[in-house]
Amino acid sequence: MHPPLFKPHPMCQEMVEQLVKCHDENPYGKFLGACNEAKTALDKCFRQEKIARYKANMESAKAMDEKRRQRTAERQALEAAAAGLPDQLPQQ
């Protein structure tokens, strides 16, 4: 099983086109393995695309987490200053 081929796959577009072409040229052979090589290559490409997407999402999540930590620290410092407490509050 693979994701829908009509959606954009920037890294794998050439292989998607090859598989679709193979399916068009082999309407019955596609069920008997005529397009297995194209399908295997597409699956490998989709895995690489997924790994790249995972890494990008992980980096984005780490950056967002760091920003959240900074905002929390700033807010705690402002609250402590407003209450007349020392700058550092113990972390929980």
N, C-alpha and C. Protein backbone atom coordinates (compact mmCIF):
# COMPACT_ATOMS: atom_id res chain seq x y z
N MET A 1 0.84 -1.17 0.00
CA MET A 1 0.00 0.00 0.00
C MET A 1 0.89 1.24 0.00
N HIS A 2 0.47 2.24 -0.68
CA HIS A 2 1.22 3.48 -0.72
C HIS A 2 0.25 4.64 -0.58
N PRO A 3 0.77 5.82 -0.26
CA PRO A 3 -0.13 6.98 -0.15
C PRO A 3 -0.72 7.33 -1.51
N PRO A 4 -1.74 8.14 -1.52
CA PRO A 4 -2.36 8.52 -2.80
C PRO A 4 -1.33 9.15 -3.74
N LEU A 5 -1.35 8.72 -4.98
CA LEU A 5 -0.36 9.18 -5.94
C LEU A 5 -0.72 10.53 -6.56
N PHE A 6 -1.96 10.95 -6.42
CA PHE A 6 -2.36 12.23 -7.00
C PHE A 6 -1.93 13.42 -6.15
N LYS A 7 -1.53 13.17 -4.90
CA LYS A 7 -1.01 14.25 -4.05
C LYS A 7 0.44 14.51 -4.42
N PRO A 8 0.93 15.72 -4.17
CA PRO A 8 2.31 16.03 -4.56
C PRO A 8 3.34 15.26 -3.71
N HIS A 9 4.31 14.70 -4.38
CA HIS A 9 5.43 14.01 -3.75
C HIS A 9 6.70 14.53 -4.41
N PRO A 10 7.23 15.65 -3.93
CA PRO A 10 8.33 16.32 -4.63
C PRO A 10 9.56 15.44 -4.85
N MET A 11 9.89 14.62 -3.89
CA MET A 11 11.09 13.80 -4.02
C MET A 11 10.86 12.59 -4.94
N CYS A 12 9.63 12.18 -5.12
CA CYS A 12 9.34 10.91 -5.78
C CYS A 12 8.47 11.07 -7.03
N GLN A 13 8.31 12.25 -7.52
CA GLN A 13 7.38 12.47 -8.62
C GLN A 13 7.73 11.65 -9.87
N GLU A 14 9.01 11.54 -10.16
CA GLU A 14 9.42 10.77 -11.34
C GLU A 14 9.03 9.30 -11.20
N MET A 15 9.21 8.74 -10.03
CA MET A 15 8.88 7.33 -9.80
C MET A 15 7.37 7.12 -9.80
N VAL A 16 6.64 8.11 -9.29
CA VAL A 16 5.17 8.02 -9.34
C VAL A 16 4.73 7.96 -10.79
N GLU A 17 5.29 8.81 -11.63
CA GLU A 17 4.93 8.82 -13.05
C GLU A 17 5.28 7.49 -13.72
N GLN A 18 6.43 6.90 -13.34
CA GLN A 18 6.81 5.61 -13.91
C GLN A 18 5.82 4.52 -13.53
N LEU A 19 5.38 4.51 -12.27
CA LEU A 19 4.43 3.49 -11.82
C LEU A 19 3.07 3.68 -12.51
N VAL A 20 2.61 4.91 -12.62
CA VAL A 20 1.34 5.16 -13.28
C VAL A 20 1.42 4.75 -14.75
N LYS A 21 2.54 5.05 -15.39
CA LYS A 21 2.73 4.66 -16.79
C LYS A 21 2.72 3.14 -16.93
N CYS A 22 3.41 2.46 -16.01
CA CYS A 22 3.44 1.00 -16.04
C CYS A 22 2.03 0.43 -15.87
N HIS A 23 1.26 0.99 -14.96
CA HIS A 23 -0.11 0.53 -14.75
C HIS A 23 -0.97 0.76 -15.99
N ASP A 24 -0.74 1.90 -16.66
CA ASP A 24 -1.50 2.19 -17.88
C ASP A 24 -1.13 1.23 -19.01
N GLU A 25 0.16 0.89 -19.10
CA GLU A 25 0.62 0.01 -20.18
C GLU A 25 0.31 -1.46 -19.90
N ASN A 26 0.11 -1.82 -18.66
CA ASN A 26 -0.13 -3.22 -18.27
C ASN A 26 -1.40 -3.31 -17.43
N PRO A 27 -2.56 -3.14 -18.03
CA PRO A 27 -3.79 -3.11 -17.23
C PRO A 27 -4.06 -4.41 -16.46
N TYR A 28 -3.65 -5.54 -17.01
CA TYR A 28 -3.84 -6.81 -16.29
C TYR A 28 -2.53 -7.31 -15.70
N GLY A 29 -1.43 -6.98 -16.36
CA GLY A 29 -0.13 -7.41 -15.88
C GLY A 29 0.24 -6.80 -14.54
N LYS A 30 -0.34 -5.64 -14.24
CA LYS A 30 -0.03 -5.00 -12.96
C LYS A 30 -0.46 -5.89 -11.79
N PHE A 31 -1.46 -6.74 -12.01
CA PHE A 31 -1.91 -7.64 -10.96
C PHE A 31 -1.03 -8.88 -10.86
N LEU A 32 -0.22 -9.12 -11.89
CA LEU A 32 0.62 -10.31 -11.93
C LEU A 32 2.10 -9.98 -11.71
N GLY A 33 2.40 -8.75 -11.31
CA GLY A 33 3.77 -8.40 -10.97
C GLY A 33 4.55 -7.67 -12.05
N ALA A 34 3.89 -7.20 -13.09
CA ALA A 34 4.59 -6.52 -14.17
C ALA A 34 5.20 -5.20 -13.70
N CYS A 35 4.65 -4.59 -12.66
CA CYS A 35 5.10 -3.28 -12.20
C CYS A 35 5.79 -3.35 -10.84
N ASN A 36 6.20 -4.54 -10.43
CA ASN A 36 6.79 -4.69 -9.10
C ASN A 36 8.08 -3.89 -8.91
N GLU A 37 8.91 -3.80 -9.94
CA GLU A 37 10.17 -3.05 -9.81
C GLU A 37 9.89 -1.57 -9.60
N ALA A 38 8.95 -1.03 -10.35
CA ALA A 38 8.59 0.38 -10.20
C ALA A 38 7.97 0.62 -8.83
N LYS A 39 7.16 -0.31 -8.38
CA LYS A 39 6.52 -0.19 -7.06
C LYS A 39 7.54 -0.25 -5.95
N THR A 40 8.51 -1.14 -6.05
CA THR A 40 9.56 -1.26 -5.03
C THR A 40 10.39 0.01 -4.97
N ALA A 41 10.76 0.55 -6.13
CA ALA A 41 11.52 1.81 -6.15
C ALA A 41 10.71 2.95 -5.55
N LEU A 42 9.42 2.99 -5.83
CA LEU A 42 8.55 4.02 -5.28
C LEU A 42 8.43 3.89 -3.77
N ASP A 43 8.30 2.67 -3.28
CA ASP A 43 8.22 2.44 -1.83
C ASP A 43 9.48 2.93 -1.13
N LYS A 44 10.64 2.65 -1.71
CA LYS A 44 11.91 3.10 -1.11
C LYS A 44 11.97 4.63 -1.09
N CYS A 45 11.53 5.24 -2.18
CA CYS A 45 11.53 6.70 -2.25
C CYS A 45 10.57 7.28 -1.21
N PHE A 46 9.39 6.69 -1.07
CA PHE A 46 8.43 7.18 -0.08
C PHE A 46 9.01 7.06 1.33
N ARG A 47 9.75 5.99 1.61
CA ARG A 47 10.38 5.86 2.92
C ARG A 47 11.37 6.99 3.17
N GLN A 48 12.19 7.30 2.15
CA GLN A 48 13.15 8.39 2.28
C GLN A 48 12.43 9.73 2.46
N GLU A 49 11.35 9.92 1.75
CA GLU A 49 10.57 11.14 1.88
C GLU A 49 9.99 11.26 3.29
N LYS A 50 9.52 10.14 3.81
CA LYS A 50 8.95 10.14 5.16
C LYS A 50 10.02 10.45 6.20
N ILE A 51 11.20 9.90 6.04
CA ILE A 51 12.30 10.17 6.98
C ILE A 51 12.67 11.64 6.94
N ALA A 52 12.75 12.22 5.75
CA ALA A 52 13.08 13.64 5.62
C ALA A 52 12.00 14.50 6.28
N ARG A 53 10.73 14.15 6.07
CA ARG A 53 9.63 14.89 6.68
C ARG A 53 9.67 14.76 8.20
N TYR A 54 9.99 13.57 8.70
CA TYR A 54 10.10 13.33 10.14
C TYR A 54 11.19 14.20 10.74
N LYS A 55 12.36 14.25 10.09
CA LYS A 55 13.47 15.05 10.61
C LYS A 55 13.11 16.53 10.64
N ALA A 56 12.48 17.01 9.59
CA ALA A 56 12.08 18.42 9.53
C ALA A 56 11.06 18.74 10.62
N ASN A 57 10.10 17.85 10.83
CA ASN A 57 9.11 18.07 11.88
C ASN A 57 9.74 18.03 13.26
N MET A 58 10.72 17.15 13.45
CA MET A 58 11.37 17.04 14.75
C MET A 58 12.17 18.32 15.05
N GLU A 59 12.86 18.85 14.06
CA GLU A 59 13.61 20.09 14.24
C GLU A 59 12.66 21.24 14.56
N SER A 60 11.55 21.30 13.86
CA SER A 60 10.55 22.34 14.10
C SER A 60 9.99 22.22 15.52
N ALA A 61 9.70 21.01 15.95
CA ALA A 61 9.16 20.79 17.29
C ALA A 61 10.18 21.20 18.36
N LYS A 62 11.45 20.90 18.14
CA LYS A 62 12.48 21.28 19.10
C LYS A 62 12.60 22.80 19.20
N ALA A 63 12.52 23.47 18.06
CA ALA A 63 12.60 24.94 18.06
C ALA A 63 11.39 25.53 18.79
N MET A 64 10.21 24.99 18.53
CA MET A 64 9.01 25.49 19.20
C MET A 64 9.08 25.23 20.70
N ASP A 65 9.62 24.08 21.10
CA ASP A 65 9.76 23.75 22.51
C ASP A 65 10.72 24.72 23.19
N GLU A 66 11.81 25.05 22.52
CA GLU A 66 12.77 25.99 23.09
C GLU A 66 12.14 27.37 23.26
N LYS A 67 11.37 27.81 22.28
CA LYS A 67 10.68 29.10 22.38
C LYS A 67 9.71 29.09 23.56
N ARG A 68 9.00 27.97 23.72
CA ARG A 68 8.05 27.85 24.83
C ARG A 68 8.78 27.93 26.16
N ARG A 69 9.92 27.28 26.25
CA ARG A 69 10.70 27.31 27.50
C ARG A 69 11.17 28.74 27.81
N GLN A 70 11.61 29.46 26.77
CA GLN A 70 12.05 30.83 26.97
C GLN A 70 10.90 31.73 27.42
N ARG A 71 9.75 31.59 26.79
CA ARG A 71 8.59 32.40 27.19
C ARG A 71 8.18 32.09 28.62
N THR A 72 8.23 30.82 29.00
CA THR A 72 7.87 30.43 30.36
C THR A 72 8.84 31.04 31.36
N ALA A 73 10.14 30.97 31.05
CA ALA A 73 11.14 31.54 31.94
C ALA A 73 10.97 33.05 32.06
N GLU A 74 10.70 33.73 30.94
CA GLU A 74 10.48 35.18 30.98
C GLU A 74 9.25 35.52 31.81
N ARG A 75 8.17 34.76 31.62
CA ARG A 75 6.95 35.01 32.37
C ARG A 75 7.17 34.80 33.86
N GLN A 76 7.90 33.74 34.23
CA GLN A 76 8.17 33.49 35.64
C GLN A 76 9.04 34.59 36.24
N ALA A 77 10.00 35.08 35.46
CA ALA A 77 10.85 36.17 35.95
C ALA A 77 10.03 37.44 36.16
N LEU A 78 9.13 37.75 35.23
CA LEU A 78 8.27 38.93 35.39
C LEU A 78 7.35 38.79 36.60
N GLU A 79 6.78 37.61 36.78
CA GLU A 79 5.90 37.38 37.92
C GLU A 79 6.68 37.49 39.23
N ALA A 80 7.90 36.98 39.24
CA ALA A 80 8.73 37.05 40.45
C ALA A 80 9.11 38.50 40.74
N ALA A 81 9.42 39.26 39.69
CA ALA A 81 9.78 40.67 39.88
C ALA A 81 8.58 41.45 40.39
N ALA A 82 7.41 41.14 39.87
CA ALA A 82 6.20 41.84 40.30
C ALA A 82 5.87 41.51 41.75
N ALA A 83 6.19 40.32 42.18
CA ALA A 83 5.91 39.90 43.55
C ALA A 83 7.04 40.28 44.50
N GLY A 84 8.14 40.79 43.97
CA GLY A 84 9.26 41.17 44.81
C GLY A 84 10.10 39.99 45.27
N LEU A 85 10.05 38.89 44.52
CA LEU A 85 10.82 37.70 44.86
C LEU A 85 12.15 37.73 44.12
N PRO A 86 13.10 36.87 44.52
CA PRO A 86 14.38 36.79 43.80
C PRO A 86 14.15 36.39 42.34
N ASP A 87 15.16 36.65 41.50
CA ASP A 87 15.05 36.39 40.07
C ASP A 87 14.85 34.90 39.76
N GLN A 88 15.49 34.05 40.49
CA GLN A 88 15.42 32.61 40.19
C GLN A 88 14.37 31.93 41.06
N LEU A 89 13.46 31.25 40.42
CA LEU A 89 12.51 30.42 41.14
C LEU A 89 12.90 28.97 40.94
N PRO A 90 12.72 28.13 41.93
CA PRO A 90 13.09 26.71 41.73
C PRO A 90 12.22 26.09 40.64
N GLN A 91 12.87 25.29 39.79
CA GLN A 91 12.16 24.58 38.72
C GLN A 91 11.42 23.39 39.30
N GLN A 92 10.27 23.15 38.79
CA GLN A 92 9.48 22.01 39.30
C GLN A 92 9.57 20.87 38.36
